[in-house]
């Protein structure tokens, strides 16, 4: 039986599955590997801080969420397809691992975040 998202370990598990899907899809993986060229393990810590802050109000994330995406967009345009893929894999990952109030909230927030970033990169 699936549980709801409960802690940082659950978020780490979610992010690892999510990025496994993203990196396996050539329609979007190049943004991470070729364009952004970030350190994946370092990025996981940042992602976990971000989602832990959203889901559990920990205050661990102290960065600007939008700016890295705007910078990435300047290097390689983020398209509606990218956002659709990202959101699809996010929801698939959540649904594969978890269920409950926090899981649903994570998916709602992901949609909101994707929408805002998509709007800001299309201006």
PDB file of N, CA and C in Angstrom:
ATOM      1  N   UNK A   1       0.831  -1.192   0.000  1.00  0.00           N
ATOM      2  CA  UNK A   1       0.000   0.000   0.000  1.00  0.00           C
ATOM      3  C   UNK A   1       0.874   1.254   0.000  1.00  0.00           C
ATOM      4  N   UNK A   2       0.515   2.221  -0.808  1.00  0.00           N
ATOM      5  CA  UNK A   2       1.246   3.483  -0.881  1.00  0.00           C
ATOM      6  C   UNK A   2       0.914   4.337   0.335  1.00  0.00           C
ATOM      7  N   UNK A   3       1.873   5.165   0.700  1.00  0.00           N
ATOM      8  CA  UNK A   3       1.666   6.138   1.772  1.00  0.00           C
ATOM      9  C   UNK A   3       1.721   7.532   1.167  1.00  0.00           C
ATOM     10  N   UNK A   4       1.410   8.496   1.966  1.00  0.00           N
ATOM     11  CA  UNK A   4       1.547   9.889   1.543  1.00  0.00           C
ATOM     12  C   UNK A   4       3.009  10.303   1.702  1.00  0.00           C
ATOM     13  N   UNK A   5       3.372  11.412   1.095  1.00  0.00           N
ATOM     14  CA  UNK A   5       4.690  11.992   1.319  1.00  0.00           C
ATOM     15  C   UNK A   5       4.780  12.410   2.786  1.00  0.00           C
ATOM     16  N   UNK A   6       5.834  11.945   3.466  1.00  0.00           N
ATOM     17  CA  UNK A   6       5.931  12.182   4.908  1.00  0.00           C
ATOM     18  C   UNK A   6       7.156  12.959   5.331  1.00  0.00           C
ATOM     19  N   UNK A   7       8.243  12.900   4.545  1.00  0.00           N
ATOM     20  CA  UNK A   7       9.504  13.471   5.011  1.00  0.00           C
ATOM     21  C   UNK A   7      10.473  13.670   3.845  1.00  0.00           C
ATOM     22  N   UNK A   8      11.648  14.142   4.189  1.00  0.00           N
ATOM     23  CA  UNK A   8      12.665  14.424   3.164  1.00  0.00           C
ATOM     24  C   UNK A   8      13.092  13.157   2.422  1.00  0.00           C
ATOM     25  N   UNK A   9      13.152  12.033   3.101  1.00  0.00           N
ATOM     26  CA  UNK A   9      13.523  10.789   2.431  1.00  0.00           C
ATOM     27  C   UNK A   9      12.513  10.453   1.333  1.00  0.00           C
ATOM     28  N   UNK A  10      11.249  10.697   1.592  1.00  0.00           N
ATOM     29  CA  UNK A  10      10.228  10.465   0.572  1.00  0.00           C
ATOM     30  C   UNK A  10      10.419  11.418  -0.611  1.00  0.00           C
ATOM     31  N   UNK A  11      10.755  12.655  -0.316  1.00  0.00           N
ATOM     32  CA  UNK A  11      10.988  13.634  -1.380  1.00  0.00           C
ATOM     33  C   UNK A  11      12.202  13.218  -2.202  1.00  0.00           C
ATOM     34  N   UNK A  12      13.251  12.777  -1.546  1.00  0.00           N
ATOM     35  CA  UNK A  12      14.442  12.311  -2.263  1.00  0.00           C
ATOM     36  C   UNK A  12      14.089  11.144  -3.184  1.00  0.00           C
ATOM     37  N   UNK A  13      13.324  10.204  -2.681  1.00  0.00           N
ATOM     38  CA  UNK A  13      12.899   9.061  -3.489  1.00  0.00           C
ATOM     39  C   UNK A  13      12.091   9.538  -4.705  1.00  0.00           C
ATOM     40  N   UNK A  14      11.188  10.475  -4.482  1.00  0.00           N
ATOM     41  CA  UNK A  14      10.378  11.023  -5.564  1.00  0.00           C
ATOM     42  C   UNK A  14      11.250  11.715  -6.603  1.00  0.00           C
ATOM     43  N   UNK A  15      12.170  12.564  -6.168  1.00  0.00           N
ATOM     44  CA  UNK A  15      13.022  13.303  -7.103  1.00  0.00           C
ATOM     45  C   UNK A  15      13.920  12.369  -7.904  1.00  0.00           C
ATOM     46  N   UNK A  16      14.416  11.319  -7.291  1.00  0.00           N
ATOM     47  CA  UNK A  16      15.278  10.374  -8.009  1.00  0.00           C
ATOM     48  C   UNK A  16      14.495   9.630  -9.096  1.00  0.00           C
ATOM     49  N   UNK A  17      13.281   9.216  -8.797  1.00  0.00           N
ATOM     50  CA  UNK A  17      12.468   8.558  -9.812  1.00  0.00           C
ATOM     51  C   UNK A  17      12.111   9.550 -10.920  1.00  0.00           C
ATOM     52  N   UNK A  18      11.705  10.735 -10.534  1.00  0.00           N
ATOM     53  CA  UNK A  18      11.332  11.778 -11.482  1.00  0.00           C
ATOM     54  C   UNK A  18      12.481  12.069 -12.452  1.00  0.00           C
ATOM     55  N   UNK A  19      13.671  12.270 -11.920  1.00  0.00           N
ATOM     56  CA  UNK A  19      14.813  12.570 -12.782  1.00  0.00           C
ATOM     57  C   UNK A  19      15.262  11.358 -13.593  1.00  0.00           C
ATOM     58  N   UNK A  20      15.006  10.188 -13.100  1.00  0.00           N
ATOM     59  CA  UNK A  20      15.278   8.982 -13.894  1.00  0.00           C
ATOM     60  C   UNK A  20      14.442   9.024 -15.175  1.00  0.00           C
ATOM     61  N   UNK A  21      13.178   9.374 -15.033  1.00  0.00           N
ATOM     62  CA  UNK A  21      12.307   9.517 -16.209  1.00  0.00           C
ATOM     63  C   UNK A  21      12.786  10.644 -17.124  1.00  0.00           C
ATOM     64  N   UNK A  22      13.100  11.801 -16.536  1.00  0.00           N
ATOM     65  CA  UNK A  22      13.526  12.949 -17.348  1.00  0.00           C
ATOM     66  C   UNK A  22      14.794  12.641 -18.138  1.00  0.00           C
ATOM     67  N   UNK A  23      15.766  12.011 -17.483  1.00  0.00           N
ATOM     68  CA  UNK A  23      17.038  11.724 -18.141  1.00  0.00           C
ATOM     69  C   UNK A  23      16.908  10.644 -19.207  1.00  0.00           C
ATOM     70  N   UNK A  24      15.878   9.830 -19.122  1.00  0.00           N
ATOM     71  CA  UNK A  24      15.672   8.766 -20.109  1.00  0.00           C
ATOM     72  C   UNK A  24      14.939   9.266 -21.358  1.00  0.00           C
ATOM     73  N   UNK A  25      14.414  10.483 -21.310  1.00  0.00           N
ATOM     74  CA  UNK A  25      13.629  11.011 -22.418  1.00  0.00           C
ATOM     75  C   UNK A  25      14.455  12.047 -23.190  1.00  0.00           C
ATOM     76  N   UNK A  26      14.877  11.705 -24.412  1.00  0.00           N
ATOM     77  CA  UNK A  26      15.729  12.625 -25.174  1.00  0.00           C
ATOM     78  C   UNK A  26      15.046  13.939 -25.552  1.00  0.00           C
ATOM     79  N   UNK A  27      13.732  14.009 -25.448  1.00  0.00           N
ATOM     80  CA  UNK A  27      13.037  15.260 -25.753  1.00  0.00           C
ATOM     81  C   UNK A  27      13.318  16.340 -24.716  1.00  0.00           C
ATOM     82  N   UNK A  28      13.788  15.926 -23.534  1.00  0.00           N
ATOM     83  CA  UNK A  28      14.030  16.897 -22.468  1.00  0.00           C
ATOM     84  C   UNK A  28      15.375  16.700 -21.767  1.00  0.00           C
ATOM     85  N   UNK A  29      15.937  15.514 -21.835  1.00  0.00           N
ATOM     86  CA  UNK A  29      17.165  15.222 -21.086  1.00  0.00           C
ATOM     87  C   UNK A  29      18.323  16.136 -21.471  1.00  0.00           C
ATOM     88  N   UNK A  30      18.403  16.538 -22.736  1.00  0.00           N
ATOM     89  CA  UNK A  30      19.498  17.394 -23.183  1.00  0.00           C
ATOM     90  C   UNK A  30      19.559  18.719 -22.431  1.00  0.00           C
ATOM     91  N   UNK A  31      18.400  19.197 -21.947  1.00  0.00           N
ATOM     92  CA  UNK A  31      18.404  20.440 -21.179  1.00  0.00           C
ATOM     93  C   UNK A  31      19.231  20.302 -19.907  1.00  0.00           C
ATOM     94  N   UNK A  32      19.205  19.125 -19.321  1.00  0.00           N
ATOM     95  CA  UNK A  32      19.948  18.880 -18.083  1.00  0.00           C
ATOM     96  C   UNK A  32      21.395  18.513 -18.357  1.00  0.00           C
ATOM     97  N   UNK A  33      21.609  17.659 -19.351  1.00  0.00           N
ATOM     98  CA  UNK A  33      22.953  17.136 -19.602  1.00  0.00           C
ATOM     99  C   UNK A  33      23.811  18.054 -20.454  1.00  0.00           C
ATOM    100  N   UNK A  34      23.247  18.612 -21.517  1.00  0.00           N
ATOM    101  CA  UNK A  34      24.029  19.405 -22.459  1.00  0.00           C
ATOM    102  C   UNK A  34      23.955  20.912 -22.198  1.00  0.00           C
ATOM    103  N   UNK A  35      22.786  21.396 -21.827  1.00  0.00           N
ATOM    104  CA  UNK A  35      22.602  22.843 -21.689  1.00  0.00           C
ATOM    105  C   UNK A  35      22.942  23.301 -20.268  1.00  0.00           C
ATOM    106  N   UNK A  36      22.255  22.786 -19.278  1.00  0.00           N
ATOM    107  CA  UNK A  36      22.488  23.220 -17.893  1.00  0.00           C
ATOM    108  C   UNK A  36      23.782  22.645 -17.326  1.00  0.00           C
ATOM    109  N   UNK A  37      24.096  21.418 -17.687  1.00  0.00           N
ATOM    110  CA  UNK A  37      25.317  20.730 -17.229  1.00  0.00           C
ATOM    111  C   UNK A  37      25.532  20.849 -15.722  1.00  0.00           C
ATOM    112  N   UNK A  38      24.464  20.597 -14.964  1.00  0.00           N
ATOM    113  CA  UNK A  38      24.592  20.699 -13.520  1.00  0.00           C
ATOM    114  C   UNK A  38      25.027  19.372 -12.901  1.00  0.00           C
ATOM    115  N   UNK A  39      25.515  19.459 -11.685  1.00  0.00           N
ATOM    116  CA  UNK A  39      25.886  18.276 -10.918  1.00  0.00           C
ATOM    117  C   UNK A  39      24.604  17.675 -10.351  1.00  0.00           C
ATOM    118  N   UNK A  40      24.265  16.484 -10.791  1.00  0.00           N
ATOM    119  CA  UNK A  40      22.979  15.889 -10.434  1.00  0.00           C
ATOM    120  C   UNK A  40      22.826  15.689  -8.930  1.00  0.00           C
ATOM    121  N   UNK A  41      23.852  15.197  -8.262  1.00  0.00           N
ATOM    122  CA  UNK A  41      23.739  14.982  -6.813  1.00  0.00           C
ATOM    123  C   UNK A  41      23.545  16.299  -6.071  1.00  0.00           C
ATOM    124  N   UNK A  42      24.246  17.332  -6.489  1.00  0.00           N
ATOM    125  CA  UNK A  42      24.062  18.653  -5.875  1.00  0.00           C
ATOM    126  C   UNK A  42      22.651  19.161  -6.161  1.00  0.00           C
ATOM    127  N   UNK A  43      22.165  18.913  -7.356  1.00  0.00           N
ATOM    128  CA  UNK A  43      20.828  19.351  -7.732  1.00  0.00           C
ATOM    129  C   UNK A  43      19.745  18.647  -6.906  1.00  0.00           C
ATOM    130  N   UNK A  44      19.970  17.371  -6.588  1.00  0.00           N
ATOM    131  CA  UNK A  44      18.991  16.656  -5.760  1.00  0.00           C
ATOM    132  C   UNK A  44      18.815  17.337  -4.413  1.00  0.00           C
ATOM    133  N   UNK A  45      19.905  17.781  -3.808  1.00  0.00           N
ATOM    134  CA  UNK A  45      19.812  18.465  -2.511  1.00  0.00           C
ATOM    135  C   UNK A  45      18.979  19.737  -2.639  1.00  0.00           C
ATOM    136  N   UNK A  46      19.194  20.480  -3.724  1.00  0.00           N
ATOM    137  CA  UNK A  46      18.440  21.713  -3.958  1.00  0.00           C
ATOM    138  C   UNK A  46      16.962  21.402  -4.172  1.00  0.00           C
ATOM    139  N   UNK A  47      16.692  20.390  -4.991  1.00  0.00           N
ATOM    140  CA  UNK A  47      15.303  19.987  -5.244  1.00  0.00           C
ATOM    141  C   UNK A  47      14.603  19.552  -3.966  1.00  0.00           C
ATOM    142  N   UNK A  48      15.316  18.783  -3.160  1.00  0.00           N
ATOM    143  CA  UNK A  48      14.713  18.314  -1.906  1.00  0.00           C
ATOM    144  C   UNK A  48      14.449  19.478  -0.962  1.00  0.00           C
ATOM    145  N   UNK A  49      15.380  20.438  -0.896  1.00  0.00           N
ATOM    146  CA  UNK A  49      15.141  21.640  -0.093  1.00  0.00           C
ATOM    147  C   UNK A  49      13.877  22.348  -0.571  1.00  0.00           C
ATOM    148  N   UNK A  50      13.755  22.505  -1.894  1.00  0.00           N
ATOM    149  CA  UNK A  50      12.614  23.202  -2.473  1.00  0.00           C
ATOM    150  C   UNK A  50      11.302  22.507  -2.123  1.00  0.00           C
ATOM    151  N   UNK A  51      11.208  21.220  -2.421  1.00  0.00           N
ATOM    152  CA  UNK A  51       9.951  20.502  -2.195  1.00  0.00           C
ATOM    153  C   UNK A  51       9.670  20.288  -0.709  1.00  0.00           C
ATOM    154  N   UNK A  52      10.702  20.145   0.090  1.00  0.00           N
ATOM    155  CA  UNK A  52      10.501  20.043   1.538  1.00  0.00           C
ATOM    156  C   UNK A  52       9.904  21.341   2.068  1.00  0.00           C
ATOM    157  N   UNK A  53      10.373  22.455   1.550  1.00  0.00           N
ATOM    158  CA  UNK A  53       9.821  23.748   1.948  1.00  0.00           C
ATOM    159  C   UNK A  53       8.372  23.895   1.534  1.00  0.00           C
ATOM    160  N   UNK A  54       8.044  23.468   0.334  1.00  0.00           N
ATOM    161  CA  UNK A  54       6.669  23.576  -0.151  1.00  0.00           C
ATOM    162  C   UNK A  54       5.735  22.658   0.630  1.00  0.00           C
ATOM    163  N   UNK A  55       6.143  21.413   0.795  1.00  0.00           N
ATOM    164  CA  UNK A  55       5.241  20.420   1.388  1.00  0.00           C
ATOM    165  C   UNK A  55       5.199  20.457   2.907  1.00  0.00           C
ATOM    166  N   UNK A  56       6.321  20.844   3.532  1.00  0.00           N
ATOM    167  CA  UNK A  56       6.392  20.766   4.993  1.00  0.00           C
ATOM    168  C   UNK A  56       6.777  22.086   5.650  1.00  0.00           C
ATOM    169  N   UNK A  57       6.776  23.181   4.877  1.00  0.00           N
ATOM    170  CA  UNK A  57       7.064  24.527   5.379  1.00  0.00           C
ATOM    171  C   UNK A  57       8.321  24.577   6.257  1.00  0.00           C
ATOM    172  N   UNK A  58       9.404  23.963   5.781  1.00  0.00           N
ATOM    173  CA  UNK A  58      10.637  23.903   6.570  1.00  0.00           C
ATOM    174  C   UNK A  58      11.503  25.145   6.448  1.00  0.00           C
ATOM    175  N   UNK A  59      11.305  25.913   5.383  1.00  0.00           N
ATOM    176  CA  UNK A  59      12.141  27.091   5.176  1.00  0.00           C
ATOM    177  C   UNK A  59      13.555  26.749   4.733  1.00  0.00           C
ATOM    178  N   UNK A  60      13.771  25.524   4.243  1.00  0.00           N
ATOM    179  CA  UNK A  60      15.118  25.096   3.857  1.00  0.00           C
ATOM    180  C   UNK A  60      15.566  25.664   2.517  1.00  0.00           C
ATOM    181  N   UNK A  61      14.628  26.055   1.665  1.00  0.00           N
ATOM    182  CA  UNK A  61      14.970  26.564   0.339  1.00  0.00           C
ATOM    183  C   UNK A  61      15.084  28.078   0.392  1.00  0.00           C
ATOM    184  N   UNK A  62      16.246  28.599   0.038  1.00  0.00           N
ATOM    185  CA  UNK A  62      16.500  30.039   0.137  1.00  0.00           C
ATOM    186  C   UNK A  62      16.903  30.651  -1.197  1.00  0.00           C
ATOM    187  N   UNK A  63      16.612  29.972  -2.285  1.00  0.00           N
ATOM    188  CA  UNK A  63      17.051  30.426  -3.597  1.00  0.00           C
ATOM    189  C   UNK A  63      15.892  31.032  -4.390  1.00  0.00           C
ATOM    190  N   UNK A  64      16.243  31.639  -5.512  1.00  0.00           N
ATOM    191  CA  UNK A  64      15.266  32.149  -6.453  1.00  0.00           C
ATOM    192  C   UNK A  64      14.885  31.006  -7.389  1.00  0.00           C
ATOM    193  N   UNK A  65      13.652  30.578  -7.355  1.00  0.00           N
ATOM    194  CA  UNK A  65      13.201  29.456  -8.164  1.00  0.00           C
ATOM    195  C   UNK A  65      13.150  29.808  -9.646  1.00  0.00           C
ATOM    196  N   UNK A  66      12.751  30.995  -9.956  1.00  0.00           N
ATOM    197  CA  UNK A  66      12.526  31.381 -11.343  1.00  0.00           C
ATOM    198  C   UNK A  66      13.816  31.638 -12.124  1.00  0.00           C
ATOM    199  N   UNK A  67      14.782  32.294 -11.517  1.00  0.00           N
ATOM    200  CA  UNK A  67      15.962  32.754 -12.264  1.00  0.00           C
ATOM    201  C   UNK A  67      16.723  31.639 -12.986  1.00  0.00           C
ATOM    202  N   UNK A  68      16.991  30.500 -12.371  1.00  0.00           N
ATOM    203  CA  UNK A  68      17.704  29.448 -13.111  1.00  0.00           C
ATOM    204  C   UNK A  68      16.949  28.986 -14.357  1.00  0.00           C
ATOM    205  N   UNK A  69      15.637  29.011 -14.291  1.00  0.00           N
ATOM    206  CA  UNK A  69      14.835  28.605 -15.452  1.00  0.00           C
ATOM    207  C   UNK A  69      14.868  29.674 -16.546  1.00  0.00           C
ATOM    208  N   UNK A  70      14.873  30.936 -16.136  1.00  0.00           N
ATOM    209  CA  UNK A  70      15.006  32.018 -17.108  1.00  0.00           C
ATOM    210  C   UNK A  70      16.379  31.959 -17.783  1.00  0.00           C
ATOM    211  N   UNK A  71      17.415  31.680 -16.993  1.00  0.00           N
ATOM    212  CA  UNK A  71      18.769  31.556 -17.537  1.00  0.00           C
ATOM    213  C   UNK A  71      18.850  30.384 -18.512  1.00  0.00           C
ATOM    214  N   UNK A  72      18.245  29.271 -18.143  1.00  0.00           N
ATOM    215  CA  UNK A  72      18.226  28.101 -19.016  1.00  0.00           C
ATOM    216  C   UNK A  72      17.497  28.421 -20.313  1.00  0.00           C
ATOM    217  N   UNK A  73      16.389  29.111 -20.208  1.00  0.00           N
ATOM    218  CA  UNK A  73      15.597  29.489 -21.377  1.00  0.00           C
ATOM    219  C   UNK A  73      16.404  30.363 -22.335  1.00  0.00           C
ATOM    220  N   UNK A  74      17.280  31.208 -21.798  1.00  0.00           N
ATOM    221  CA  UNK A  74      18.139  32.044 -22.645  1.00  0.00           C
ATOM    222  C   UNK A  74      19.133  31.205 -23.442  1.00  0.00           C
ATOM    223  N   UNK A  75      19.552  30.089 -22.873  1.00  0.00           N
ATOM    224  CA  UNK A  75      20.511  29.201 -23.541  1.00  0.00           C
ATOM    225  C   UNK A  75      19.817  28.288 -24.543  1.00  0.00           C
ATOM    226  N   UNK A  76      18.648  27.804 -24.186  1.00  0.00           N
ATOM    227  CA  UNK A  76      17.887  26.886 -25.037  1.00  0.00           C
ATOM    228  C   UNK A  76      16.415  27.046 -24.682  1.00  0.00           C
ATOM    229  N   UNK A  77      15.627  27.478 -25.638  1.00  0.00           N
ATOM    230  CA  UNK A  77      14.225  27.822 -25.380  1.00  0.00           C
ATOM    231  C   UNK A  77      13.448  26.675 -24.732  1.00  0.00           C
ATOM    232  N   UNK A  78      12.783  27.008 -23.656  1.00  0.00           N
ATOM    233  CA  UNK A  78      11.867  26.067 -23.014  1.00  0.00           C
ATOM    234  C   UNK A  78      10.527  26.183 -23.730  1.00  0.00           C
ATOM    235  N   UNK A  79       9.992  25.058 -24.168  1.00  0.00           N
ATOM    236  CA  UNK A  79       8.766  25.051 -24.964  1.00  0.00           C
ATOM    237  C   UNK A  79       7.601  24.450 -24.181  1.00  0.00           C
ATOM    238  N   UNK A  80       6.418  24.597 -24.730  1.00  0.00           N
ATOM    239  CA  UNK A  80       5.235  23.992 -24.120  1.00  0.00           C
ATOM    240  C   UNK A  80       5.411  22.480 -24.004  1.00  0.00           C
ATOM    241  N   UNK A  81       6.073  21.871 -24.971  1.00  0.00           N
ATOM    242  CA  UNK A  81       6.324  20.428 -24.902  1.00  0.00           C
ATOM    243  C   UNK A  81       7.195  20.082 -23.705  1.00  0.00           C
ATOM    244  N   UNK A  82       8.228  20.872 -23.443  1.00  0.00           N
ATOM    245  CA  UNK A  82       9.087  20.616 -22.279  1.00  0.00           C
ATOM    246  C   UNK A  82       8.274  20.635 -20.979  1.00  0.00           C
ATOM    247  N   UNK A  83       7.411  21.641 -20.851  1.00  0.00           N
ATOM    248  CA  UNK A  83       6.606  21.746 -19.636  1.00  0.00           C
ATOM    249  C   UNK A  83       5.626  20.589 -19.522  1.00  0.00           C
ATOM    250  N   UNK A  84       5.069  20.175 -20.629  1.00  0.00           N
ATOM    251  CA  UNK A  84       4.144  19.034 -20.636  1.00  0.00           C
ATOM    252  C   UNK A  84       4.852  17.741 -20.224  1.00  0.00           C
ATOM    253  N   UNK A  85       6.035  17.532 -20.768  1.00  0.00           N
ATOM    254  CA  UNK A  85       6.819  16.347 -20.412  1.00  0.00           C
ATOM    255  C   UNK A  85       7.176  16.388 -18.932  1.00  0.00           C
ATOM    256  N   UNK A  86       7.683  17.529 -18.482  1.00  0.00           N
ATOM    257  CA  UNK A  86       8.099  17.684 -17.089  1.00  0.00           C
ATOM    258  C   UNK A  86       6.933  17.381 -16.143  1.00  0.00           C
ATOM    259  N   UNK A  87       5.804  17.982 -16.418  1.00  0.00           N
ATOM    260  CA  UNK A  87       4.645  17.793 -15.556  1.00  0.00           C
ATOM    261  C   UNK A  87       4.133  16.355 -15.625  1.00  0.00           C
ATOM    262  N   UNK A  88       4.126  15.774 -16.803  1.00  0.00           N
ATOM    263  CA  UNK A  88       3.683  14.385 -16.942  1.00  0.00           C
ATOM    264  C   UNK A  88       4.528  13.425 -16.131  1.00  0.00           C
ATOM    265  N   UNK A  89       5.849  13.577 -16.221  1.00  0.00           N
ATOM    266  CA  UNK A  89       6.730  12.698 -15.443  1.00  0.00           C
ATOM    267  C   UNK A  89       6.641  12.978 -13.946  1.00  0.00           C
ATOM    268  N   UNK A  90       6.431  14.240 -13.590  1.00  0.00           N
ATOM    269  CA  UNK A  90       6.272  14.550 -12.169  1.00  0.00           C
ATOM    270  C   UNK A  90       5.046  13.832 -11.609  1.00  0.00           C
ATOM    271  N   UNK A  91       3.930  14.001 -12.287  1.00  0.00           N
ATOM    272  CA  UNK A  91       2.688  13.364 -11.822  1.00  0.00           C
ATOM    273  C   UNK A  91       2.806  11.848 -11.823  1.00  0.00           C
ATOM    274  N   UNK A  92       3.424  11.303 -12.865  1.00  0.00           N
ATOM    275  CA  UNK A  92       3.614   9.853 -12.938  1.00  0.00           C
ATOM    276  C   UNK A  92       4.454   9.361 -11.763  1.00  0.00           C
ATOM    277  N   UNK A  93       5.503  10.083 -11.435  1.00  0.00           N
ATOM    278  CA  UNK A  93       6.381   9.702 -10.326  1.00  0.00           C
ATOM    279  C   UNK A  93       5.647   9.746  -8.998  1.00  0.00           C
ATOM    280  N   UNK A  94       4.915  10.837  -8.776  1.00  0.00           N
ATOM    281  CA  UNK A  94       4.138  10.949  -7.533  1.00  0.00           C
ATOM    282  C   UNK A  94       3.150   9.784  -7.440  1.00  0.00           C
ATOM    283  N   UNK A  95       2.394   9.559  -8.509  1.00  0.00           N
ATOM    284  CA  UNK A  95       1.360   8.521  -8.490  1.00  0.00           C
ATOM    285  C   UNK A  95       1.937   7.120  -8.343  1.00  0.00           C
ATOM    286  N   UNK A  96       3.131   6.912  -8.864  1.00  0.00           N
ATOM    287  CA  UNK A  96       3.763   5.598  -8.772  1.00  0.00           C
ATOM    288  C   UNK A  96       4.184   5.273  -7.336  1.00  0.00           C
ATOM    289  N   UNK A  97       4.569   6.313  -6.588  1.00  0.00           N
ATOM    290  CA  UNK A  97       5.141   6.091  -5.263  1.00  0.00           C
ATOM    291  C   UNK A  97       4.216   6.427  -4.095  1.00  0.00           C
ATOM    292  N   UNK A  98       3.346   7.399  -4.271  1.00  0.00           N
ATOM    293  CA  UNK A  98       2.616   7.960  -3.129  1.00  0.00           C
ATOM    294  C   UNK A  98       1.142   8.193  -3.448  1.00  0.00           C
ATOM    295  N   UNK A  99       0.372   8.360  -2.386  1.00  0.00           N
ATOM    296  CA  UNK A  99      -1.008   8.797  -2.507  1.00  0.00           C
ATOM    297  C   UNK A  99      -1.395   9.497  -1.212  1.00  0.00           C
ATOM    298  N   UNK A 100      -2.287  10.460  -1.344  1.00  0.00           N
ATOM    299  CA  UNK A 100      -2.738  11.174  -0.158  1.00  0.00           C
ATOM    300  C   UNK A 100      -2.722  12.671  -0.361  1.00  0.00           C
ATOM    301  N   UNK A 101      -2.979  13.379   0.710  1.00  0.00           N
ATOM    302  CA  UNK A 101      -3.122  14.832   0.679  1.00  0.00           C
ATOM    303  C   UNK A 101      -1.856  15.538   0.205  1.00  0.00           C
ATOM    304  N   UNK A 102      -0.703  15.179   0.754  1.00  0.00           N
ATOM    305  CA  UNK A 102       0.556  15.818   0.360  1.00  0.00           C
ATOM    306  C   UNK A 102       0.915  15.460  -1.079  1.00  0.00           C
ATOM    307  N   UNK A 103       0.655  14.224  -1.477  1.00  0.00           N
ATOM    308  CA  UNK A 103       0.927  13.809  -2.858  1.00  0.00           C
ATOM    309  C   UNK A 103       0.088  14.636  -3.827  1.00  0.00           C
ATOM    310  N   UNK A 104      -1.172  14.800  -3.517  1.00  0.00           N
ATOM    311  CA  UNK A 104      -2.046  15.627  -4.364  1.00  0.00           C
ATOM    312  C   UNK A 104      -1.605  17.084  -4.367  1.00  0.00           C
ATOM    313  N   UNK A 105      -1.200  17.579  -3.209  1.00  0.00           N
ATOM    314  CA  UNK A 105      -0.733  18.957  -3.110  1.00  0.00           C
ATOM    315  C   UNK A 105       0.540  19.156  -3.932  1.00  0.00           C
ATOM    316  N   UNK A 106       1.435  18.178  -3.906  1.00  0.00           N
ATOM    317  CA  UNK A 106       2.669  18.262  -4.698  1.00  0.00           C
ATOM    318  C   UNK A 106       2.331  18.393  -6.176  1.00  0.00           C
ATOM    319  N   UNK A 107       1.376  17.619  -6.651  1.00  0.00           N
ATOM    320  CA  UNK A 107       0.988  17.687  -8.062  1.00  0.00           C
ATOM    321  C   UNK A 107       0.329  19.036  -8.389  1.00  0.00           C
ATOM    322  N   UNK A 108      -0.471  19.550  -7.479  1.00  0.00           N
ATOM    323  CA  UNK A 108      -1.089  20.863  -7.685  1.00  0.00           C
ATOM    324  C   UNK A 108      -0.031  21.957  -7.762  1.00  0.00           C
ATOM    325  N   UNK A 109       0.919  21.901  -6.857  1.00  0.00           N
ATOM    326  CA  UNK A 109       1.988  22.904  -6.832  1.00  0.00           C
ATOM    327  C   UNK A 109       2.868  22.796  -8.068  1.00  0.00           C
ATOM    328  N   UNK A 110       3.134  21.568  -8.519  1.00  0.00           N
ATOM    329  CA  UNK A 110       3.941  21.377  -9.726  1.00  0.00           C
ATOM    330  C   UNK A 110       3.259  22.019 -10.927  1.00  0.00           C
ATOM    331  N   UNK A 111       1.951  21.856 -11.034  1.00  0.00           N
ATOM    332  CA  UNK A 111       1.199  22.485 -12.124  1.00  0.00           C
ATOM    333  C   UNK A 111       1.305  24.004 -12.036  1.00  0.00           C
ATOM    334  N   UNK A 112       1.158  24.534 -10.849  1.00  0.00           N
ATOM    335  CA  UNK A 112       1.255  25.975 -10.645  1.00  0.00           C
ATOM    336  C   UNK A 112       2.649  26.491 -11.001  1.00  0.00           C
ATOM    337  N   UNK A 113       3.666  25.797 -10.562  1.00  0.00           N
ATOM    338  CA  UNK A 113       5.046  26.197 -10.830  1.00  0.00           C
ATOM    339  C   UNK A 113       5.336  26.142 -12.327  1.00  0.00           C
ATOM    340  N   UNK A 114       4.941  25.058 -12.968  1.00  0.00           N
ATOM    341  CA  UNK A 114       5.156  24.927 -14.405  1.00  0.00           C
ATOM    342  C   UNK A 114       4.437  26.028 -15.168  1.00  0.00           C
ATOM    343  N   UNK A 115       3.244  26.349 -14.743  1.00  0.00           N
ATOM    344  CA  UNK A 115       2.462  27.389 -15.415  1.00  0.00           C
ATOM    345  C   UNK A 115       3.148  28.748 -15.285  1.00  0.00           C
ATOM    346  N   UNK A 116       3.594  29.089 -14.086  1.00  0.00           N
ATOM    347  CA  UNK A 116       4.242  30.377 -13.868  1.00  0.00           C
ATOM    348  C   UNK A 116       5.535  30.465 -14.665  1.00  0.00           C
ATOM    349  N   UNK A 117       6.348  29.418 -14.616  1.00  0.00           N
ATOM    350  CA  UNK A 117       7.622  29.458 -15.351  1.00  0.00           C
ATOM    351  C   UNK A 117       7.359  29.528 -16.853  1.00  0.00           C
ATOM    352  N   UNK A 118       6.371  28.806 -17.325  1.00  0.00           N
ATOM    353  CA  UNK A 118       6.038  28.840 -18.757  1.00  0.00           C
ATOM    354  C   UNK A 118       5.595  30.244 -19.170  1.00  0.00           C
ATOM    355  N   UNK A 119       4.791  30.883 -18.355  1.00  0.00           N
ATOM    356  CA  UNK A 119       4.347  32.250 -18.654  1.00  0.00           C
ATOM    357  C   UNK A 119       5.543  33.198 -18.650  1.00  0.00           C
ATOM    358  N   UNK A 120       6.402  33.089 -17.642  1.00  0.00           N
ATOM    359  CA  UNK A 120       7.548  34.000 -17.519  1.00  0.00           C
ATOM    360  C   UNK A 120       8.559  33.799 -18.639  1.00  0.00           C
ATOM    361  N   UNK A 121       8.708  32.588 -19.145  1.00  0.00           N
ATOM    362  CA  UNK A 121       9.666  32.360 -20.232  1.00  0.00           C
ATOM    363  C   UNK A 121       9.083  32.702 -21.597  1.00  0.00           C
ATOM    364  N   UNK A 122       7.795  32.949 -21.655  1.00  0.00           N
ATOM    365  CA  UNK A 122       7.189  33.305 -22.945  1.00  0.00           C
ATOM    366  C   UNK A 122       7.001  34.808 -23.112  1.00  0.00           C
ATOM    367  N   UNK A 123       7.363  35.567 -22.095  1.00  0.00           N
ATOM    368  CA  UNK A 123       7.217  37.036 -22.141  1.00  0.00           C
ATOM    369  C   UNK A 123       8.311  37.632 -23.008  1.00  0.00           C
TER     370      UNK A 123
END
